[in-house]
Amino acid sequence: MGNLTQYQQCQCFFRHRFCIPQGNELVINGGFENVQNPFFHWVINSGVDQIDPGSGDTPHQGINAARLGFIAPYALIYQDIAGICPGRFYQLNFFMNTEKNLCNAAVSARLLFLDKHKNPLGNPTLDILISQNSLYEAYGAFINATSHPAPTRAHFARVLFEINTGADADRNVNLDDVSLITF
């Protein structure tokens, strides 16, 4: 690398290929627990807000969770995660509930691998549909492993959740403890 300092060489290496070792948590703020900004490191639209414990909402654990589809019908939340290792398998875990048993809109949860410019590398690796009217007031665990390894050009993974409640805000869902690990 020519006349670069050791620090510059290290930064160049990490910018081009930084792979987080097996078993480490990759999602930042997966429980929405950042006090100043519950959605720190997440990209959200106007349909995403935080739960309201004063009106009876509860998190899976901790003090907070994301609420999707309550303040606006269409909710989208995602995080682009660095440190993806080509050739490795990944497991996406999350917890979800609804305010009334069997009264939720359908939710789409996806894991996409992205190149170094954050362009998708093919179709979603995981494309999970949580069916309409399938969630309960008690949080349910969703544990999903990839069946194919991350592609050679993968640098990032996007974990994405979306819902459209239509005109019925009572069909919203709560999302908590989002996790992505490699194995």
N, C-alpha and C. Protein backbone atom coordinates (compact mmCIF):
# COMPACT_ATOMS: atom_id res chain seq x y z
N MET A 1 0.82 -1.20 0.00
CA MET A 1 0.00 0.00 0.00
C MET A 1 0.86 1.25 0.00
N GLY A 2 2.05 1.18 -0.45
CA GLY A 2 2.90 2.35 -0.62
C GLY A 2 3.30 3.02 0.67
N ASN A 3 3.17 4.37 0.70
CA ASN A 3 3.62 5.17 1.83
C ASN A 3 2.53 5.48 2.86
N LEU A 4 1.47 4.72 2.90
CA LEU A 4 0.41 4.96 3.87
C LEU A 4 0.88 4.56 5.26
N THR A 5 0.42 5.31 6.26
CA THR A 5 0.72 4.94 7.65
C THR A 5 -0.03 3.67 7.99
N GLN A 6 0.35 3.04 9.11
CA GLN A 6 -0.33 1.82 9.52
C GLN A 6 -1.81 2.10 9.77
N TYR A 7 -2.12 3.26 10.36
CA TYR A 7 -3.52 3.63 10.61
C TYR A 7 -4.29 3.76 9.30
N GLN A 8 -3.70 4.43 8.30
CA GLN A 8 -4.36 4.60 7.01
C GLN A 8 -4.56 3.25 6.32
N GLN A 9 -3.56 2.36 6.44
CA GLN A 9 -3.69 1.04 5.84
C GLN A 9 -4.85 0.29 6.49
N CYS A 10 -4.95 0.38 7.80
CA CYS A 10 -6.02 -0.29 8.53
C CYS A 10 -7.38 0.27 8.10
N GLN A 11 -7.49 1.61 8.01
CA GLN A 11 -8.76 2.22 7.59
C GLN A 11 -9.13 1.78 6.18
N CYS A 12 -8.15 1.71 5.29
CA CYS A 12 -8.40 1.30 3.92
C CYS A 12 -8.90 -0.15 3.91
N PHE A 13 -8.28 -1.00 4.70
CA PHE A 13 -8.70 -2.40 4.79
C PHE A 13 -10.14 -2.50 5.27
N PHE A 14 -10.47 -1.78 6.35
CA PHE A 14 -11.82 -1.87 6.91
C PHE A 14 -12.85 -1.28 5.97
N ARG A 15 -12.51 -0.25 5.23
CA ARG A 15 -13.46 0.37 4.32
C ARG A 15 -13.84 -0.62 3.21
N HIS A 16 -12.89 -1.44 2.78
CA HIS A 16 -13.14 -2.33 1.66
C HIS A 16 -13.67 -3.70 2.08
N ARG A 17 -13.24 -4.21 3.20
CA ARG A 17 -13.72 -5.53 3.61
C ARG A 17 -13.54 -5.68 5.12
N PHE A 18 -14.59 -5.42 5.84
CA PHE A 18 -14.58 -5.58 7.29
C PHE A 18 -15.61 -6.64 7.62
N CYS A 19 -15.17 -7.74 8.17
CA CYS A 19 -16.02 -8.89 8.42
C CYS A 19 -16.07 -9.15 9.92
N ILE A 20 -17.26 -9.09 10.50
CA ILE A 20 -17.41 -9.30 11.94
C ILE A 20 -17.46 -10.80 12.21
N PRO A 21 -16.67 -11.27 13.18
CA PRO A 21 -16.55 -12.71 13.44
C PRO A 21 -17.86 -13.38 13.84
N GLN A 22 -17.86 -14.67 13.70
CA GLN A 22 -19.00 -15.53 13.99
C GLN A 22 -19.53 -15.32 15.40
N GLY A 23 -20.85 -15.30 15.50
CA GLY A 23 -21.51 -15.25 16.80
C GLY A 23 -21.71 -13.87 17.38
N ASN A 24 -21.15 -12.83 16.79
CA ASN A 24 -21.31 -11.46 17.31
C ASN A 24 -22.61 -10.84 16.79
N GLU A 25 -23.24 -10.04 17.66
CA GLU A 25 -24.45 -9.32 17.27
C GLU A 25 -24.09 -8.22 16.27
N LEU A 26 -24.84 -8.15 15.17
CA LEU A 26 -24.56 -7.16 14.13
C LEU A 26 -25.52 -5.97 14.15
N VAL A 27 -26.74 -6.16 14.64
CA VAL A 27 -27.71 -5.07 14.68
C VAL A 27 -27.34 -4.11 15.80
N ILE A 28 -27.38 -2.83 15.50
CA ILE A 28 -27.15 -1.80 16.50
C ILE A 28 -28.51 -1.30 16.98
N ASN A 29 -28.69 -1.27 18.29
CA ASN A 29 -29.93 -0.78 18.90
C ASN A 29 -31.15 -1.61 18.46
N GLY A 30 -31.00 -2.91 18.46
CA GLY A 30 -32.07 -3.81 18.05
C GLY A 30 -33.27 -3.83 18.99
N GLY A 31 -33.08 -3.33 20.22
CA GLY A 31 -34.18 -3.27 21.18
C GLY A 31 -34.79 -1.90 21.30
N PHE A 32 -34.31 -0.95 20.47
CA PHE A 32 -34.83 0.42 20.45
C PHE A 32 -34.70 1.08 21.82
N GLU A 33 -33.56 0.84 22.48
CA GLU A 33 -33.36 1.28 23.85
C GLU A 33 -32.54 2.56 23.99
N ASN A 34 -32.10 3.17 22.89
CA ASN A 34 -31.33 4.41 22.99
C ASN A 34 -32.24 5.50 23.56
N VAL A 35 -31.86 6.06 24.71
CA VAL A 35 -32.73 7.01 25.42
C VAL A 35 -32.95 8.29 24.63
N GLN A 36 -31.90 8.85 24.03
CA GLN A 36 -32.05 10.09 23.26
C GLN A 36 -32.82 9.89 21.96
N ASN A 37 -32.62 8.74 21.32
CA ASN A 37 -33.27 8.47 20.04
C ASN A 37 -33.53 6.96 19.94
N PRO A 38 -34.76 6.51 20.22
CA PRO A 38 -35.05 5.08 20.18
C PRO A 38 -34.76 4.44 18.82
N PHE A 39 -34.72 5.25 17.76
CA PHE A 39 -34.49 4.71 16.42
C PHE A 39 -33.08 5.01 15.91
N PHE A 40 -32.16 5.23 16.83
CA PHE A 40 -30.75 5.43 16.50
C PHE A 40 -30.26 4.24 15.67
N HIS A 41 -29.67 4.52 14.52
CA HIS A 41 -29.15 3.56 13.54
C HIS A 41 -30.23 2.91 12.68
N TRP A 42 -31.47 3.30 12.83
CA TRP A 42 -32.55 2.78 12.00
C TRP A 42 -33.03 3.89 11.06
N VAL A 43 -33.50 3.51 9.89
CA VAL A 43 -34.16 4.43 8.97
C VAL A 43 -35.65 4.12 9.08
N ILE A 44 -36.45 5.16 9.33
CA ILE A 44 -37.89 4.95 9.52
C ILE A 44 -38.68 5.94 8.68
N ASN A 45 -39.95 5.61 8.44
CA ASN A 45 -40.85 6.58 7.83
C ASN A 45 -41.86 7.03 8.88
N SER A 46 -42.85 7.82 8.47
CA SER A 46 -43.79 8.42 9.41
C SER A 46 -44.75 7.41 10.05
N GLY A 47 -44.77 6.18 9.58
CA GLY A 47 -45.64 5.16 10.16
C GLY A 47 -45.02 4.42 11.34
N VAL A 48 -43.80 4.81 11.72
CA VAL A 48 -43.09 4.14 12.82
C VAL A 48 -42.99 5.08 14.00
N ASP A 49 -43.38 4.59 15.17
CA ASP A 49 -43.17 5.34 16.41
C ASP A 49 -42.82 4.34 17.50
N GLN A 50 -42.68 4.83 18.71
CA GLN A 50 -42.37 3.94 19.82
C GLN A 50 -43.64 3.59 20.58
N ILE A 51 -43.59 2.49 21.31
CA ILE A 51 -44.75 2.08 22.09
C ILE A 51 -45.06 3.12 23.15
N ASP A 52 -46.28 3.05 23.66
CA ASP A 52 -46.73 3.97 24.70
C ASP A 52 -47.12 3.17 25.94
N PRO A 53 -46.16 2.98 26.88
CA PRO A 53 -46.48 2.21 28.08
C PRO A 53 -47.65 2.80 28.88
N GLY A 54 -47.87 4.11 28.78
CA GLY A 54 -48.99 4.75 29.47
C GLY A 54 -50.35 4.25 29.02
N SER A 55 -50.43 3.75 27.79
CA SER A 55 -51.70 3.22 27.29
C SER A 55 -51.70 1.68 27.28
N GLY A 56 -50.76 1.09 28.02
CA GLY A 56 -50.75 -0.36 28.16
C GLY A 56 -49.79 -1.11 27.26
N ASP A 57 -49.06 -0.42 26.37
CA ASP A 57 -48.09 -1.09 25.51
C ASP A 57 -46.92 -1.60 26.35
N THR A 58 -46.42 -2.78 26.01
CA THR A 58 -45.27 -3.33 26.73
C THR A 58 -44.20 -3.76 25.72
N PRO A 59 -42.93 -3.62 26.10
CA PRO A 59 -41.86 -4.14 25.25
C PRO A 59 -41.68 -5.64 25.51
N HIS A 60 -40.97 -6.29 24.62
CA HIS A 60 -40.61 -7.69 24.87
C HIS A 60 -39.68 -7.77 26.07
N GLN A 61 -38.69 -6.89 26.09
CA GLN A 61 -37.81 -6.70 27.25
C GLN A 61 -37.26 -5.30 27.18
N GLY A 62 -36.68 -4.81 28.26
CA GLY A 62 -36.18 -3.44 28.29
C GLY A 62 -37.32 -2.47 28.55
N ILE A 63 -37.17 -1.24 27.99
CA ILE A 63 -38.17 -0.20 28.25
C ILE A 63 -38.89 0.28 26.99
N ASN A 64 -38.49 -0.21 25.81
CA ASN A 64 -39.06 0.33 24.59
C ASN A 64 -39.21 -0.75 23.52
N ALA A 65 -40.01 -0.45 22.52
CA ALA A 65 -40.17 -1.26 21.32
C ALA A 65 -40.68 -0.32 20.22
N ALA A 66 -40.56 -0.74 18.99
CA ALA A 66 -41.08 0.03 17.86
C ALA A 66 -42.53 -0.37 17.61
N ARG A 67 -43.35 0.61 17.26
CA ARG A 67 -44.74 0.36 16.91
C ARG A 67 -44.90 0.72 15.43
N LEU A 68 -45.40 -0.22 14.65
CA LEU A 68 -45.50 -0.04 13.20
C LEU A 68 -46.96 0.04 12.78
N GLY A 69 -47.31 1.11 12.06
CA GLY A 69 -48.63 1.24 11.46
C GLY A 69 -49.70 1.86 12.34
N PHE A 70 -49.33 2.51 13.43
CA PHE A 70 -50.33 3.11 14.31
C PHE A 70 -50.59 4.57 13.93
N ILE A 71 -49.53 5.37 13.77
CA ILE A 71 -49.73 6.80 13.49
C ILE A 71 -49.91 7.09 12.00
N ALA A 72 -49.52 6.17 11.15
CA ALA A 72 -49.77 6.25 9.70
C ALA A 72 -49.90 4.81 9.21
N PRO A 73 -50.74 4.56 8.22
CA PRO A 73 -51.01 3.17 7.80
C PRO A 73 -49.78 2.42 7.27
N TYR A 74 -48.94 3.11 6.51
CA TYR A 74 -47.78 2.43 5.92
C TYR A 74 -46.56 2.71 6.79
N ALA A 75 -45.94 1.65 7.30
CA ALA A 75 -44.75 1.79 8.14
C ALA A 75 -43.61 1.01 7.52
N LEU A 76 -42.43 1.64 7.51
CA LEU A 76 -41.21 1.03 6.99
C LEU A 76 -40.08 1.36 7.95
N ILE A 77 -39.33 0.34 8.35
CA ILE A 77 -38.17 0.53 9.20
C ILE A 77 -37.09 -0.43 8.71
N TYR A 78 -35.85 0.09 8.58
CA TYR A 78 -34.77 -0.80 8.19
C TYR A 78 -33.44 -0.30 8.73
N GLN A 79 -32.47 -1.22 8.73
CA GLN A 79 -31.11 -0.90 9.12
C GLN A 79 -30.16 -1.59 8.15
N ASP A 80 -29.19 -0.81 7.63
CA ASP A 80 -28.12 -1.38 6.81
C ASP A 80 -26.97 -1.72 7.73
N ILE A 81 -26.58 -2.98 7.73
CA ILE A 81 -25.63 -3.53 8.69
C ILE A 81 -24.32 -3.84 8.00
N ALA A 82 -23.25 -3.26 8.52
CA ALA A 82 -21.91 -3.52 8.00
C ALA A 82 -21.33 -4.79 8.63
N GLY A 83 -20.22 -5.25 8.07
CA GLY A 83 -19.50 -6.38 8.66
C GLY A 83 -19.93 -7.74 8.15
N ILE A 84 -20.60 -7.77 7.00
CA ILE A 84 -21.06 -9.04 6.44
C ILE A 84 -19.88 -9.80 5.84
N CYS A 85 -19.83 -11.09 6.11
CA CYS A 85 -18.75 -11.96 5.64
C CYS A 85 -19.26 -12.83 4.49
N PRO A 86 -18.77 -12.63 3.28
CA PRO A 86 -19.17 -13.51 2.17
C PRO A 86 -18.89 -14.97 2.53
N GLY A 87 -19.81 -15.83 2.12
CA GLY A 87 -19.65 -17.26 2.37
C GLY A 87 -20.20 -17.73 3.71
N ARG A 88 -20.64 -16.81 4.56
CA ARG A 88 -21.19 -17.20 5.86
C ARG A 88 -22.71 -17.17 5.83
N PHE A 89 -23.30 -17.94 6.74
CA PHE A 89 -24.74 -17.98 6.91
C PHE A 89 -25.13 -17.04 8.04
N TYR A 90 -26.38 -16.56 8.01
CA TYR A 90 -26.85 -15.60 9.00
C TYR A 90 -28.19 -16.02 9.57
N GLN A 91 -28.46 -15.54 10.78
CA GLN A 91 -29.74 -15.81 11.43
C GLN A 91 -30.36 -14.49 11.87
N LEU A 92 -31.58 -14.24 11.40
CA LEU A 92 -32.35 -13.05 11.76
C LEU A 92 -33.40 -13.45 12.79
N ASN A 93 -33.38 -12.78 13.94
CA ASN A 93 -34.34 -13.04 15.02
C ASN A 93 -35.04 -11.73 15.36
N PHE A 94 -36.31 -11.82 15.72
CA PHE A 94 -37.04 -10.65 16.20
C PHE A 94 -38.28 -11.12 16.94
N PHE A 95 -38.87 -10.21 17.70
CA PHE A 95 -40.07 -10.49 18.47
C PHE A 95 -41.15 -9.50 18.04
N MET A 96 -42.38 -10.00 17.91
CA MET A 96 -43.48 -9.16 17.43
C MET A 96 -44.76 -9.53 18.17
N ASN A 97 -45.60 -8.52 18.41
CA ASN A 97 -46.93 -8.76 18.96
C ASN A 97 -47.91 -7.73 18.40
N THR A 98 -49.16 -7.86 18.81
CA THR A 98 -50.19 -6.92 18.40
C THR A 98 -51.03 -6.57 19.64
N GLU A 99 -51.81 -5.51 19.53
CA GLU A 99 -52.59 -5.05 20.69
C GLU A 99 -53.79 -5.93 21.00
N LYS A 100 -54.34 -6.58 19.99
CA LYS A 100 -55.49 -7.47 20.17
C LYS A 100 -55.17 -8.79 19.49
N ASN A 101 -55.43 -9.89 20.16
CA ASN A 101 -55.16 -11.21 19.59
C ASN A 101 -55.78 -11.35 18.20
N LEU A 102 -54.95 -11.87 17.28
CA LEU A 102 -55.38 -12.18 15.92
C LEU A 102 -56.04 -11.01 15.21
N CYS A 103 -55.42 -9.82 15.36
CA CYS A 103 -55.99 -8.61 14.76
C CYS A 103 -54.87 -7.73 14.21
N ASN A 104 -53.97 -8.30 13.41
CA ASN A 104 -52.86 -7.53 12.84
C ASN A 104 -52.95 -7.53 11.32
N ALA A 105 -52.39 -6.49 10.74
CA ALA A 105 -52.20 -6.47 9.29
C ALA A 105 -51.00 -7.37 8.97
N ALA A 106 -50.87 -7.78 7.73
CA ALA A 106 -49.73 -8.60 7.31
C ALA A 106 -48.45 -7.76 7.41
N VAL A 107 -47.37 -8.40 7.83
CA VAL A 107 -46.07 -7.75 7.97
C VAL A 107 -45.06 -8.48 7.10
N SER A 108 -44.23 -7.72 6.41
CA SER A 108 -43.15 -8.30 5.62
C SER A 108 -41.83 -8.01 6.33
N ALA A 109 -41.04 -9.05 6.54
CA ALA A 109 -39.70 -8.91 7.12
C ALA A 109 -38.73 -9.49 6.10
N ARG A 110 -37.67 -8.72 5.78
CA ARG A 110 -36.74 -9.17 4.75
C ARG A 110 -35.29 -8.95 5.18
N LEU A 111 -34.44 -9.83 4.68
CA LEU A 111 -32.99 -9.68 4.80
C LEU A 111 -32.43 -9.70 3.39
N LEU A 112 -31.78 -8.60 3.02
CA LEU A 112 -31.17 -8.48 1.70
C LEU A 112 -29.67 -8.26 1.88
N PHE A 113 -28.86 -8.88 1.04
CA PHE A 113 -27.43 -8.59 1.03
C PHE A 113 -27.17 -7.47 0.03
N LEU A 114 -26.26 -6.57 0.39
CA LEU A 114 -25.95 -5.39 -0.42
C LEU A 114 -24.47 -5.36 -0.75
N ASP A 115 -24.12 -4.77 -1.90
CA ASP A 115 -22.71 -4.60 -2.25
C ASP A 115 -22.14 -3.38 -1.52
N LYS A 116 -20.90 -3.02 -1.83
CA LYS A 116 -20.24 -1.91 -1.11
C LYS A 116 -20.90 -0.56 -1.37
N HIS A 117 -21.72 -0.45 -2.43
CA HIS A 117 -22.45 0.78 -2.73
C HIS A 117 -23.89 0.71 -2.23
N LYS A 118 -24.21 -0.34 -1.49
CA LYS A 118 -25.54 -0.61 -0.92
C LYS A 118 -26.59 -0.90 -1.98
N ASN A 119 -26.15 -1.50 -3.09
CA ASN A 119 -27.08 -2.00 -4.10
C ASN A 119 -27.42 -3.44 -3.76
N PRO A 120 -28.70 -3.84 -3.88
CA PRO A 120 -29.08 -5.22 -3.57
C PRO A 120 -28.38 -6.23 -4.47
N LEU A 121 -27.99 -7.34 -3.88
CA LEU A 121 -27.37 -8.44 -4.62
C LEU A 121 -28.41 -9.54 -4.81
N GLY A 122 -29.29 -9.35 -5.77
CA GLY A 122 -30.35 -10.33 -6.03
C GLY A 122 -31.57 -10.13 -5.15
N ASN A 123 -32.38 -11.15 -5.11
CA ASN A 123 -33.62 -11.13 -4.32
C ASN A 123 -33.30 -11.22 -2.83
N PRO A 124 -34.26 -10.88 -1.97
CA PRO A 124 -34.02 -11.02 -0.54
C PRO A 124 -33.62 -12.46 -0.18
N THR A 125 -32.64 -12.59 0.69
CA THR A 125 -32.21 -13.90 1.16
C THR A 125 -33.27 -14.51 2.07
N LEU A 126 -33.86 -13.68 2.90
CA LEU A 126 -35.01 -14.08 3.71
C LEU A 126 -36.15 -13.15 3.35
N ASP A 127 -37.31 -13.71 3.06
CA ASP A 127 -38.51 -12.93 2.74
C ASP A 127 -39.64 -13.57 3.53
N ILE A 128 -39.89 -13.01 4.72
CA ILE A 128 -40.80 -13.60 5.69
C ILE A 128 -42.11 -12.82 5.68
N LEU A 129 -43.21 -13.52 5.53
CA LEU A 129 -44.52 -12.89 5.60
C LEU A 129 -45.19 -13.34 6.89
N ILE A 130 -45.47 -12.37 7.76
CA ILE A 130 -46.25 -12.64 8.96
C ILE A 130 -47.69 -12.37 8.55
N SER A 131 -48.47 -13.41 8.47
CA SER A 131 -49.82 -13.33 7.92
C SER A 131 -50.73 -12.42 8.73
N GLN A 132 -51.70 -11.87 8.01
CA GLN A 132 -52.76 -11.07 8.65
C GLN A 132 -53.46 -11.94 9.70
N ASN A 133 -53.80 -11.32 10.83
CA ASN A 133 -54.54 -11.99 11.90
C ASN A 133 -53.83 -13.22 12.44
N SER A 134 -52.50 -13.14 12.61
CA SER A 134 -51.74 -14.29 13.09
C SER A 134 -50.96 -14.01 14.38
N LEU A 135 -50.95 -12.76 14.85
CA LEU A 135 -50.17 -12.41 16.04
C LEU A 135 -51.06 -12.31 17.27
N TYR A 136 -50.41 -12.43 18.42
CA TYR A 136 -51.10 -12.36 19.70
C TYR A 136 -50.60 -11.18 20.53
N GLU A 137 -51.29 -10.92 21.65
CA GLU A 137 -50.85 -9.87 22.57
C GLU A 137 -49.51 -10.22 23.20
N ALA A 138 -49.26 -11.49 23.43
CA ALA A 138 -47.96 -11.94 23.93
C ALA A 138 -46.97 -11.94 22.76
N TYR A 139 -45.75 -11.50 23.02
CA TYR A 139 -44.74 -11.46 21.96
C TYR A 139 -44.43 -12.87 21.46
N GLY A 140 -44.31 -12.99 20.16
CA GLY A 140 -43.88 -14.23 19.53
C GLY A 140 -42.49 -14.07 18.97
N ALA A 141 -41.69 -15.13 19.05
CA ALA A 141 -40.32 -15.11 18.53
C ALA A 141 -40.31 -15.59 17.08
N PHE A 142 -39.54 -14.90 16.25
CA PHE A 142 -39.34 -15.29 14.86
C PHE A 142 -37.84 -15.53 14.69
N ILE A 143 -37.47 -16.76 14.39
CA ILE A 143 -36.06 -17.15 14.26
C ILE A 143 -35.90 -17.72 12.86
N ASN A 144 -35.07 -17.06 12.05
CA ASN A 144 -34.96 -17.40 10.63
C ASN A 144 -33.50 -17.45 10.20
N ALA A 145 -33.06 -18.59 9.73
CA ALA A 145 -31.68 -18.75 9.25
C ALA A 145 -31.67 -18.74 7.73
N THR A 146 -30.61 -18.18 7.17
CA THR A 146 -30.47 -18.18 5.72
C THR A 146 -30.14 -19.60 5.25
N SER A 147 -30.63 -19.95 4.08
CA SER A 147 -30.32 -21.28 3.52
C SER A 147 -29.17 -21.21 2.53
N HIS A 148 -28.75 -19.99 2.18
CA HIS A 148 -27.62 -19.79 1.27
C HIS A 148 -26.65 -18.82 1.94
N PRO A 149 -25.36 -18.98 1.72
CA PRO A 149 -24.40 -18.06 2.32
C PRO A 149 -24.45 -16.68 1.66
N ALA A 150 -23.89 -15.70 2.35
CA ALA A 150 -23.79 -14.35 1.80
C ALA A 150 -22.97 -14.40 0.51
N PRO A 151 -23.40 -13.67 -0.52
CA PRO A 151 -22.67 -13.68 -1.79
C PRO A 151 -21.27 -13.08 -1.68
N THR A 152 -20.44 -13.37 -2.65
CA THR A 152 -19.05 -12.93 -2.67
C THR A 152 -18.91 -11.42 -2.54
N ARG A 153 -19.77 -10.66 -3.17
CA ARG A 153 -19.63 -9.20 -3.18
C ARG A 153 -20.38 -8.52 -2.03
N ALA A 154 -20.90 -9.29 -1.08
CA ALA A 154 -21.69 -8.72 0.03
C ALA A 154 -20.80 -7.94 0.98
N HIS A 155 -21.20 -6.72 1.29
CA HIS A 155 -20.54 -5.88 2.29
C HIS A 155 -21.50 -5.50 3.40
N PHE A 156 -22.78 -5.42 3.07
CA PHE A 156 -23.82 -5.01 4.02
C PHE A 156 -25.00 -5.98 3.93
N ALA A 157 -25.82 -5.94 4.97
CA ALA A 157 -27.11 -6.62 4.94
C ALA A 157 -28.15 -5.58 5.36
N ARG A 158 -29.29 -5.61 4.73
CA ARG A 158 -30.40 -4.73 5.11
C ARG A 158 -31.47 -5.60 5.76
N VAL A 159 -31.81 -5.24 6.99
CA VAL A 159 -32.91 -5.86 7.72
C VAL A 159 -34.06 -4.87 7.63
N LEU A 160 -35.20 -5.32 7.07
CA LEU A 160 -36.29 -4.41 6.74
C LEU A 160 -37.63 -5.01 7.18
N PHE A 161 -38.49 -4.14 7.74
CA PHE A 161 -39.84 -4.53 8.14
C PHE A 161 -40.80 -3.51 7.55
N GLU A 162 -41.94 -3.99 7.00
CA GLU A 162 -42.95 -3.07 6.52
C GLU A 162 -44.35 -3.64 6.71
N ILE A 163 -45.29 -2.72 6.88
CA ILE A 163 -46.69 -3.07 7.12
C ILE A 163 -47.56 -1.97 6.53
N ASN A 164 -48.75 -2.35 6.09
CA ASN A 164 -49.75 -1.37 5.68
C ASN A 164 -51.07 -1.76 6.35
N THR A 165 -51.47 -0.98 7.34
CA THR A 165 -52.68 -1.29 8.11
C THR A 165 -53.95 -0.80 7.42
N GLY A 166 -53.82 -0.12 6.30
CA GLY A 166 -55.00 0.44 5.64
C GLY A 166 -55.60 1.53 6.50
N ALA A 167 -56.89 1.54 6.61
CA ALA A 167 -57.56 2.59 7.39
C ALA A 167 -57.73 2.19 8.86
N ASP A 168 -57.23 1.02 9.26
CA ASP A 168 -57.48 0.50 10.61
C ASP A 168 -56.19 0.48 11.44
N ALA A 169 -55.97 1.55 12.23
CA ALA A 169 -54.76 1.65 13.05
C ALA A 169 -54.71 0.57 14.12
N ASP A 170 -55.84 -0.07 14.44
CA ASP A 170 -55.84 -1.15 15.44
C ASP A 170 -55.12 -2.39 14.94
N ARG A 171 -54.73 -2.43 13.68
CA ARG A 171 -54.06 -3.60 13.11
C ARG A 171 -52.54 -3.44 13.16
N ASN A 172 -52.06 -2.46 13.92
CA ASN A 172 -50.62 -2.20 14.05
C ASN A 172 -49.93 -3.33 14.81
N VAL A 173 -48.60 -3.35 14.74
CA VAL A 173 -47.80 -4.36 15.45
C VAL A 173 -46.66 -3.68 16.21
N ASN A 174 -46.15 -4.39 17.20
CA ASN A 174 -44.96 -3.95 17.93
C ASN A 174 -43.80 -4.87 17.56
N LEU A 175 -42.63 -4.28 17.41
CA LEU A 175 -41.41 -4.99 17.02
C LEU A 175 -40.34 -4.72 18.07
N ASP A 176 -39.62 -5.77 18.49
CA ASP A 176 -38.59 -5.58 19.51
C ASP A 176 -37.49 -6.63 19.34
N ASP A 177 -36.34 -6.32 19.91
CA ASP A 177 -35.20 -7.23 20.01
C ASP A 177 -34.81 -7.86 18.68
N VAL A 178 -34.57 -7.00 17.68
CA VAL A 178 -34.13 -7.45 16.37
C VAL A 178 -32.65 -7.83 16.47
N SER A 179 -32.29 -8.98 15.92
CA SER A 179 -30.93 -9.49 16.05
C SER A 179 -30.50 -10.13 14.73
N LEU A 180 -29.25 -9.94 14.36
CA LEU A 180 -28.66 -10.62 13.22
C LEU A 180 -27.28 -11.12 13.65
N ILE A 181 -27.08 -12.42 13.53
CA ILE A 181 -25.78 -13.01 13.88
C ILE A 181 -25.33 -13.93 12.74
N THR A 182 -24.04 -14.17 12.68
CA THR A 182 -23.49 -15.13 11.72
C THR A 182 -23.16 -16.42 12.46
N PHE A 183 -23.25 -17.51 11.74
CA PHE A 183 -22.90 -18.80 12.35
C PHE A 183 -22.14 -19.65 11.37
